[in-house]
N, C-alpha and C. Protein backbone atom coordinates (compact mmCIF):
# COMPACT_ATOMS: atom_id res chain seq x y z
N MET A 1 51.11 -61.67 -49.33
CA MET A 1 50.74 -62.60 -50.38
C MET A 1 51.58 -63.86 -50.19
N CYS A 2 50.89 -64.97 -50.13
CA CYS A 2 51.56 -66.24 -49.89
C CYS A 2 51.29 -67.19 -51.06
N TYR A 3 52.36 -67.68 -51.65
CA TYR A 3 52.24 -68.62 -52.76
C TYR A 3 52.34 -70.05 -52.26
N GLN A 4 51.51 -70.91 -52.82
CA GLN A 4 51.66 -72.36 -52.67
C GLN A 4 52.51 -72.79 -53.86
N THR A 5 53.47 -73.66 -53.64
CA THR A 5 54.32 -74.14 -54.73
C THR A 5 54.17 -75.65 -54.84
N HIS A 6 53.94 -76.11 -56.06
CA HIS A 6 53.77 -77.54 -56.32
C HIS A 6 54.60 -77.92 -57.53
N GLU A 7 55.17 -79.11 -57.49
CA GLU A 7 55.84 -79.65 -58.66
C GLU A 7 55.01 -80.84 -59.13
N ILE A 8 54.63 -80.80 -60.39
CA ILE A 8 53.80 -81.86 -60.94
C ILE A 8 54.44 -82.41 -62.21
N GLU A 9 53.95 -83.55 -62.66
CA GLU A 9 54.38 -84.10 -63.93
C GLU A 9 53.13 -84.34 -64.77
N TRP A 10 53.22 -83.90 -66.02
CA TRP A 10 52.12 -84.09 -66.96
C TRP A 10 52.73 -84.58 -68.27
N GLN A 11 52.32 -85.77 -68.68
CA GLN A 11 52.80 -86.38 -69.93
C GLN A 11 54.32 -86.31 -70.06
N GLY A 12 55.02 -86.64 -68.97
CA GLY A 12 56.48 -86.67 -68.99
C GLY A 12 57.15 -85.32 -68.85
N ILE A 13 56.38 -84.27 -68.66
CA ILE A 13 56.92 -82.91 -68.51
C ILE A 13 56.80 -82.50 -67.04
N ARG A 14 57.93 -82.11 -66.45
CA ARG A 14 57.92 -81.63 -65.06
C ARG A 14 57.60 -80.14 -65.05
N ILE A 15 56.66 -79.77 -64.19
CA ILE A 15 56.14 -78.41 -64.16
C ILE A 15 56.11 -77.90 -62.73
N CYS A 16 56.51 -76.65 -62.55
CA CYS A 16 56.36 -75.97 -61.27
C CYS A 16 55.11 -75.09 -61.36
N VAL A 17 54.23 -75.26 -60.38
CA VAL A 17 53.00 -74.46 -60.30
C VAL A 17 53.07 -73.64 -59.03
N ARG A 18 52.93 -72.34 -59.17
CA ARG A 18 52.85 -71.44 -58.01
C ARG A 18 51.46 -70.82 -58.03
N TYR A 19 50.84 -70.81 -56.85
CA TYR A 19 49.46 -70.33 -56.76
C TYR A 19 49.29 -69.42 -55.56
N ALA A 20 48.80 -68.23 -55.81
CA ALA A 20 48.42 -67.29 -54.75
C ALA A 20 46.90 -67.18 -54.77
N PRO A 21 46.21 -67.79 -53.79
CA PRO A 21 44.75 -67.72 -53.78
C PRO A 21 44.22 -66.28 -53.71
N VAL A 22 44.99 -65.41 -53.05
CA VAL A 22 44.61 -63.99 -52.97
C VAL A 22 45.86 -63.15 -53.20
N LYS A 23 45.81 -62.35 -54.25
CA LYS A 23 46.93 -61.46 -54.57
C LYS A 23 46.38 -60.03 -54.62
N TRP A 24 47.03 -59.13 -53.92
CA TRP A 24 46.62 -57.74 -53.85
C TRP A 24 45.18 -57.59 -53.32
N ASN A 25 44.69 -58.60 -52.64
CA ASN A 25 43.33 -58.60 -52.08
C ASN A 25 42.23 -58.48 -53.14
N VAL A 26 42.56 -58.73 -54.41
CA VAL A 26 41.54 -58.56 -55.45
C VAL A 26 41.50 -59.69 -56.48
N ILE A 27 42.51 -60.54 -56.51
CA ILE A 27 42.61 -61.53 -57.59
C ILE A 27 43.43 -62.73 -57.12
N SER A 28 43.30 -63.84 -57.82
CA SER A 28 44.17 -65.00 -57.61
C SER A 28 45.18 -65.05 -58.75
N HIS A 29 46.33 -65.68 -58.48
CA HIS A 29 47.38 -65.74 -59.49
C HIS A 29 47.94 -67.14 -59.57
N ILE A 30 48.03 -67.65 -60.81
CA ILE A 30 48.65 -68.94 -61.08
C ILE A 30 49.85 -68.69 -61.98
N GLU A 31 50.99 -69.25 -61.60
CA GLU A 31 52.19 -69.16 -62.42
C GLU A 31 52.64 -70.58 -62.73
N ILE A 32 52.84 -70.85 -64.02
CA ILE A 32 53.23 -72.18 -64.48
C ILE A 32 54.55 -72.06 -65.23
N LYS A 33 55.51 -72.91 -64.84
CA LYS A 33 56.82 -72.88 -65.49
C LYS A 33 57.30 -74.31 -65.68
N VAL A 34 57.63 -74.66 -66.92
CA VAL A 34 58.15 -75.99 -67.21
C VAL A 34 59.57 -76.08 -66.67
N ILE A 35 59.83 -77.14 -65.92
CA ILE A 35 61.16 -77.37 -65.36
C ILE A 35 61.99 -78.24 -66.30
N GLU A 36 61.39 -79.33 -66.77
CA GLU A 36 62.13 -80.26 -67.61
C GLU A 36 61.19 -80.98 -68.57
N PRO A 37 61.48 -81.01 -69.83
CA PRO A 37 62.58 -80.30 -70.47
C PRO A 37 62.34 -78.80 -70.44
N ALA A 38 63.41 -78.07 -70.20
CA ALA A 38 63.32 -76.62 -70.03
C ALA A 38 62.58 -75.96 -71.18
N ARG A 39 61.66 -75.09 -70.82
CA ARG A 39 60.87 -74.29 -71.77
C ARG A 39 60.07 -75.12 -72.77
N ALA A 40 59.78 -76.36 -72.43
CA ALA A 40 58.96 -77.19 -73.32
C ALA A 40 57.57 -76.58 -73.42
N PRO A 41 56.99 -76.60 -74.61
CA PRO A 41 55.63 -76.07 -74.75
C PRO A 41 54.61 -76.96 -74.04
N LEU A 42 53.52 -76.34 -73.67
CA LEU A 42 52.38 -77.03 -73.09
C LEU A 42 51.14 -76.61 -73.88
N PRO A 43 50.04 -77.32 -73.75
CA PRO A 43 48.84 -76.91 -74.48
C PRO A 43 48.33 -75.53 -74.09
N ILE A 44 48.79 -75.01 -72.95
CA ILE A 44 48.34 -73.69 -72.49
C ILE A 44 49.38 -72.60 -72.68
N THR A 45 50.58 -72.97 -73.13
CA THR A 45 51.63 -71.98 -73.38
C THR A 45 52.70 -72.56 -74.31
N SER A 46 53.03 -71.84 -75.33
CA SER A 46 54.05 -72.33 -76.27
C SER A 46 55.46 -72.09 -75.76
N THR A 47 55.60 -71.27 -74.72
CA THR A 47 56.92 -70.92 -74.21
C THR A 47 57.34 -71.71 -72.97
N GLY A 48 56.42 -72.47 -72.40
CA GLY A 48 56.73 -73.19 -71.16
C GLY A 48 56.56 -72.33 -69.93
N TYR A 49 56.01 -71.12 -70.08
CA TYR A 49 55.75 -70.24 -68.95
C TYR A 49 54.40 -69.57 -69.13
N LEU A 50 53.67 -69.45 -68.02
CA LEU A 50 52.38 -68.77 -68.08
C LEU A 50 52.10 -68.10 -66.73
N SER A 51 51.72 -66.85 -66.78
CA SER A 51 51.24 -66.11 -65.62
C SER A 51 49.77 -65.82 -65.89
N HIS A 52 48.90 -66.28 -64.98
CA HIS A 52 47.46 -66.21 -65.25
C HIS A 52 46.72 -65.71 -64.01
N HIS A 53 45.94 -64.66 -64.18
CA HIS A 53 45.13 -64.11 -63.09
C HIS A 53 43.68 -64.54 -63.27
N ILE A 54 43.05 -64.92 -62.16
CA ILE A 54 41.65 -65.36 -62.19
C ILE A 54 40.93 -64.80 -60.97
N PRO A 55 39.61 -64.74 -61.02
CA PRO A 55 38.88 -64.24 -59.85
C PRO A 55 39.14 -65.10 -58.61
N ILE A 56 39.19 -64.45 -57.45
CA ILE A 56 39.39 -65.15 -56.19
C ILE A 56 38.30 -66.21 -56.02
N GLY A 57 38.73 -67.40 -55.60
CA GLY A 57 37.79 -68.49 -55.34
C GLY A 57 37.45 -69.35 -56.53
N SER A 58 37.93 -68.98 -57.72
CA SER A 58 37.62 -69.75 -58.94
C SER A 58 38.13 -71.18 -58.85
N VAL A 59 39.36 -71.35 -58.42
CA VAL A 59 39.94 -72.69 -58.32
C VAL A 59 39.16 -73.51 -57.30
N GLU A 60 38.96 -72.94 -56.13
CA GLU A 60 38.32 -73.65 -55.02
C GLU A 60 36.85 -73.98 -55.31
N ALA A 61 36.19 -73.19 -56.14
CA ALA A 61 34.79 -73.44 -56.46
C ALA A 61 34.61 -74.69 -57.31
N GLU A 62 35.64 -75.05 -58.06
CA GLU A 62 35.51 -76.16 -59.01
C GLU A 62 36.41 -77.35 -58.71
N PHE A 63 37.50 -77.14 -57.96
CA PHE A 63 38.49 -78.20 -57.74
C PHE A 63 38.86 -78.30 -56.27
N ASP A 64 39.40 -79.45 -55.90
CA ASP A 64 39.88 -79.63 -54.52
C ASP A 64 41.15 -78.83 -54.26
N ASN A 65 41.95 -78.62 -55.32
CA ASN A 65 43.21 -77.90 -55.16
C ASN A 65 43.69 -77.41 -56.52
N VAL A 66 44.72 -76.58 -56.51
CA VAL A 66 45.23 -75.98 -57.74
C VAL A 66 45.87 -77.01 -58.67
N VAL A 67 46.47 -78.06 -58.11
CA VAL A 67 47.08 -79.11 -58.96
C VAL A 67 46.01 -79.78 -59.81
N ASP A 68 44.88 -80.13 -59.20
CA ASP A 68 43.78 -80.74 -59.97
C ASP A 68 43.29 -79.79 -61.05
N CYS A 69 43.24 -78.50 -60.72
CA CYS A 69 42.82 -77.48 -61.69
C CYS A 69 43.76 -77.45 -62.90
N ILE A 70 45.05 -77.40 -62.64
CA ILE A 70 46.04 -77.31 -63.73
C ILE A 70 46.03 -78.58 -64.57
N LEU A 71 45.99 -79.74 -63.92
CA LEU A 71 45.97 -81.00 -64.67
C LEU A 71 44.72 -81.09 -65.55
N SER A 72 43.60 -80.67 -65.03
CA SER A 72 42.36 -80.66 -65.81
C SER A 72 42.46 -79.70 -66.99
N TRP A 73 43.02 -78.53 -66.76
CA TRP A 73 43.20 -77.52 -67.80
C TRP A 73 44.12 -78.06 -68.91
N LEU A 74 45.23 -78.66 -68.51
CA LEU A 74 46.16 -79.23 -69.50
C LEU A 74 45.48 -80.35 -70.30
N ASP A 75 44.79 -81.24 -69.62
CA ASP A 75 44.12 -82.35 -70.31
C ASP A 75 43.07 -81.84 -71.29
N ALA A 76 42.31 -80.84 -70.89
CA ALA A 76 41.28 -80.29 -71.77
C ALA A 76 41.89 -79.63 -73.00
N ARG A 77 42.92 -78.82 -72.80
CA ARG A 77 43.54 -78.12 -73.94
C ARG A 77 44.35 -79.07 -74.81
N ALA A 78 44.77 -80.21 -74.26
CA ALA A 78 45.52 -81.21 -75.04
C ALA A 78 44.64 -81.87 -76.09
N GLN A 79 43.33 -81.68 -76.00
CA GLN A 79 42.42 -82.24 -76.99
C GLN A 79 42.33 -81.39 -78.25
N SER A 80 42.94 -80.21 -78.23
CA SER A 80 42.86 -79.31 -79.39
C SER A 80 43.63 -79.88 -80.58
N ALA A 81 43.19 -79.52 -81.76
CA ALA A 81 43.86 -79.96 -82.98
C ALA A 81 45.31 -79.48 -83.01
N GLU A 82 45.54 -78.25 -82.53
CA GLU A 82 46.90 -77.69 -82.54
C GLU A 82 47.84 -78.52 -81.66
N TRP A 83 47.38 -78.91 -80.47
CA TRP A 83 48.24 -79.67 -79.59
C TRP A 83 48.47 -81.08 -80.13
N ARG A 84 47.43 -81.71 -80.65
CA ARG A 84 47.59 -83.05 -81.22
C ARG A 84 48.57 -83.01 -82.39
N GLU A 85 48.53 -81.96 -83.19
CA GLU A 85 49.48 -81.80 -84.30
C GLU A 85 50.90 -81.63 -83.76
N HIS A 86 51.04 -80.84 -82.70
CA HIS A 86 52.35 -80.63 -82.08
C HIS A 86 52.92 -81.97 -81.58
N VAL A 87 52.11 -82.76 -80.91
CA VAL A 87 52.55 -84.04 -80.36
C VAL A 87 52.96 -84.98 -81.49
N GLU A 88 52.16 -84.98 -82.55
CA GLU A 88 52.49 -85.85 -83.70
C GLU A 88 53.81 -85.44 -84.34
N LYS A 89 54.01 -84.16 -84.55
CA LYS A 89 55.26 -83.68 -85.14
C LYS A 89 56.45 -83.96 -84.22
N SER A 90 56.27 -83.80 -82.93
CA SER A 90 57.34 -84.05 -81.97
C SER A 90 57.73 -85.51 -81.95
N ALA A 91 56.76 -86.39 -82.09
CA ALA A 91 57.02 -87.84 -82.03
C ALA A 91 57.80 -88.31 -83.24
N GLN A 92 57.51 -87.75 -84.39
CA GLN A 92 58.20 -88.21 -85.60
C GLN A 92 59.40 -87.36 -85.96
N GLY A 93 59.55 -86.23 -85.31
CA GLY A 93 60.66 -85.35 -85.63
C GLY A 93 60.37 -84.59 -86.92
N GLU A 94 60.97 -83.45 -87.06
CA GLU A 94 60.77 -82.65 -88.26
C GLU A 94 62.03 -82.74 -89.12
N LEU A 95 61.83 -82.92 -90.40
CA LEU A 95 62.95 -83.03 -91.33
C LEU A 95 63.44 -81.67 -91.80
N PHE A 96 62.56 -80.68 -91.78
CA PHE A 96 62.93 -79.36 -92.31
C PHE A 96 62.61 -78.30 -91.31
């Protein structure tokens, strides 16, 4: 099993993406971990870490590479009401 490792930045958050196109000969695996700020939430994980299994070929069928896939996924989920509320609260700070 061979992982591709990529470091990306999304909205000021540095993220490490590890991708195994074929794991155990039956599935693909994506691992996402926020590097900085450490453990910062993302629209796809509140803990800054995500391990995600998908059918083999899913990424390649829709995207040129795993980075484009992750950026698209983050952008799409960032449109949710929950994420927009999180961003708004983070920008103004919480008093309580």
